Amino acid sequence: MSLVDLFATVPLLAWLAACLWVYRDAEANVAAGTPVYLQIGALRIDTPEAWAVACSVLLFVFMPLYLAARKS
């Protein structure tokens, strides 16, 4: 594996790990009876699947929103 491949692979693996963590943590919160939800206007994110998709599309926007909604 060349250095160029490594620079392309490491961020991809970090992105994948972050999305997987959000999904598993949201799923654990649902199982514990404390689901994580966010509503901004008509946009409502309230399932582990929705959180994972949102994070996979816009990680740098929805990861901080997930962490903030998780604490409330």
C-alpha atoms as a PDB file:
ATOM      1  CA  MET A   1       0.000   0.000   0.000  1.00  0.00           C
ATOM      2  CA  SER A   2       1.457   3.314  -1.040  1.00  0.00           C
ATOM      3  CA  LEU A   3       1.407   6.466   1.025  1.00  0.00           C
ATOM      4  CA  VAL A   4      -1.234   7.953  -1.287  1.00  0.00           C
ATOM      5  CA  ASP A   5      -3.484   4.944  -0.718  1.00  0.00           C
ATOM      6  CA  LEU A   6      -2.985   5.270   3.023  1.00  0.00           C
ATOM      7  CA  PHE A   7      -3.993   8.939   2.980  1.00  0.00           C
ATOM      8  CA  ALA A   8      -7.172   7.968   1.117  1.00  0.00           C
ATOM      9  CA  THR A   9      -7.977   4.938   3.277  1.00  0.00           C
ATOM     10  CA  VAL A  10      -7.490   6.336   6.790  1.00  0.00           C
ATOM     11  CA  PRO A  11     -10.119   9.104   6.518  1.00  0.00           C
ATOM     12  CA  LEU A  12     -12.550   6.666   4.924  1.00  0.00           C
ATOM     13  CA  LEU A  13     -12.103   4.212   7.806  1.00  0.00           C
ATOM     14  CA  ALA A  14     -12.511   7.027  10.358  1.00  0.00           C
ATOM     15  CA  TRP A  15     -15.725   8.164   8.625  1.00  0.00           C
ATOM     16  CA  LEU A  16     -17.059   4.600   8.593  1.00  0.00           C
ATOM     17  CA  ALA A  17     -16.157   4.059  12.265  1.00  0.00           C
ATOM     18  CA  ALA A  18     -17.881   7.310  13.285  1.00  0.00           C
ATOM     19  CA  CYS A  19     -21.075   6.388  11.413  1.00  0.00           C
ATOM     20  CA  LEU A  20     -21.073   2.912  12.913  1.00  0.00           C
ATOM     21  CA  TRP A  21     -20.536   4.312  16.401  1.00  0.00           C
ATOM     22  CA  VAL A  22     -23.445   6.752  15.997  1.00  0.00           C
ATOM     23  CA  TYR A  23     -25.721   3.928  14.829  1.00  0.00           C
ATOM     24  CA  ARG A  24     -24.763   1.547  17.650  1.00  0.00           C
ATOM     25  CA  ASP A  25     -24.966   4.256  20.328  1.00  0.00           C
ATOM     26  CA  ALA A  26     -28.360   5.461  19.072  1.00  0.00           C
ATOM     27  CA  GLU A  27     -29.554   1.857  19.033  1.00  0.00           C
ATOM     28  CA  ALA A  28     -28.367   1.363  22.634  1.00  0.00           C
ATOM     29  CA  ASN A  29     -30.182   4.528  23.699  1.00  0.00           C
ATOM     30  CA  VAL A  30     -33.409   3.266  22.091  1.00  0.00           C
ATOM     31  CA  ALA A  31     -33.024  -0.053  23.927  1.00  0.00           C
ATOM     32  CA  ALA A  32     -32.493   1.845  27.199  1.00  0.00           C
ATOM     33  CA  GLY A  33     -35.696   3.826  26.613  1.00  0.00           C
ATOM     34  CA  THR A  34     -33.960   7.138  25.968  1.00  0.00           C
ATOM     35  CA  PRO A  35     -33.959   7.607  22.196  1.00  0.00           C
ATOM     36  CA  VAL A  36     -31.890  10.430  20.756  1.00  0.00           C
ATOM     37  CA  TYR A  37     -33.943  12.751  18.573  1.00  0.00           C
ATOM     38  CA  LEU A  38     -33.521  16.056  16.858  1.00  0.00           C
ATOM     39  CA  GLN A  39     -36.106  18.236  15.180  1.00  0.00           C
ATOM     40  CA  ILE A  40     -35.249  21.304  13.133  1.00  0.00           C
ATOM     41  CA  GLY A  41     -38.349  22.601  11.402  1.00  0.00           C
ATOM     42  CA  ALA A  42     -39.804  19.737   9.378  1.00  0.00           C
ATOM     43  CA  LEU A  43     -36.602  17.677   9.646  1.00  0.00           C
ATOM     44  CA  ARG A  44     -36.887  15.051  12.379  1.00  0.00           C
ATOM     45  CA  ILE A  45     -34.171  12.501  13.103  1.00  0.00           C
ATOM     46  CA  ASP A  46     -35.322   9.989  15.678  1.00  0.00           C
ATOM     47  CA  THR A  47     -34.171   6.489  14.712  1.00  0.00           C
ATOM     48  CA  PRO A  48     -30.707   4.903  14.737  1.00  0.00           C
ATOM     49  CA  GLU A  49     -30.995   4.360  10.987  1.00  0.00           C
ATOM     50  CA  ALA A  50     -31.817   8.020  10.355  1.00  0.00           C
ATOM     51  CA  TRP A  51     -28.867   9.122  12.503  1.00  0.00           C
ATOM     52  CA  ALA A  52     -26.509   6.780  10.644  1.00  0.00           C
ATOM     53  CA  VAL A  53     -27.693   8.001   7.232  1.00  0.00           C
ATOM     54  CA  ALA A  54     -27.473  11.651   8.293  1.00  0.00           C
ATOM     55  CA  CYS A  55     -23.950  11.132   9.620  1.00  0.00           C
ATOM     56  CA  SER A  56     -22.874   9.266   6.515  1.00  0.00           C
ATOM     57  CA  VAL A  57     -24.084  12.133   4.314  1.00  0.00           C
ATOM     58  CA  LEU A  58     -22.893  15.085   6.414  1.00  0.00           C
ATOM     59  CA  LEU A  59     -20.664  13.752   9.192  1.00  0.00           C
ATOM     60  CA  PHE A  60     -19.238  17.109  10.244  1.00  0.00           C
ATOM     61  CA  VAL A  61     -22.729  18.568  10.677  1.00  0.00           C
ATOM     62  CA  PHE A  62     -24.673  15.690  12.217  1.00  0.00           C
ATOM     63  CA  MET A  63     -22.019  14.166  14.512  1.00  0.00           C
ATOM     64  CA  PRO A  64     -21.930  17.295  16.739  1.00  0.00           C
ATOM     65  CA  LEU A  65     -25.728  17.543  16.559  1.00  0.00           C
ATOM     66  CA  TYR A  66     -25.995  13.897  17.634  1.00  0.00           C
ATOM     67  CA  LEU A  67     -23.661  14.441  20.575  1.00  0.00           C
ATOM     68  CA  ALA A  68     -25.578  17.559  21.651  1.00  0.00           C
ATOM     69  CA  ALA A  69     -28.975  15.833  21.340  1.00  0.00           C
ATOM     70  CA  ARG A  70     -27.640  12.792  23.174  1.00  0.00           C
ATOM     71  CA  LYS A  71     -26.893  14.853  26.282  1.00  0.00           C
ATOM     72  CA  SER A  72     -30.325  16.493  26.457  1.00  0.00           C
END
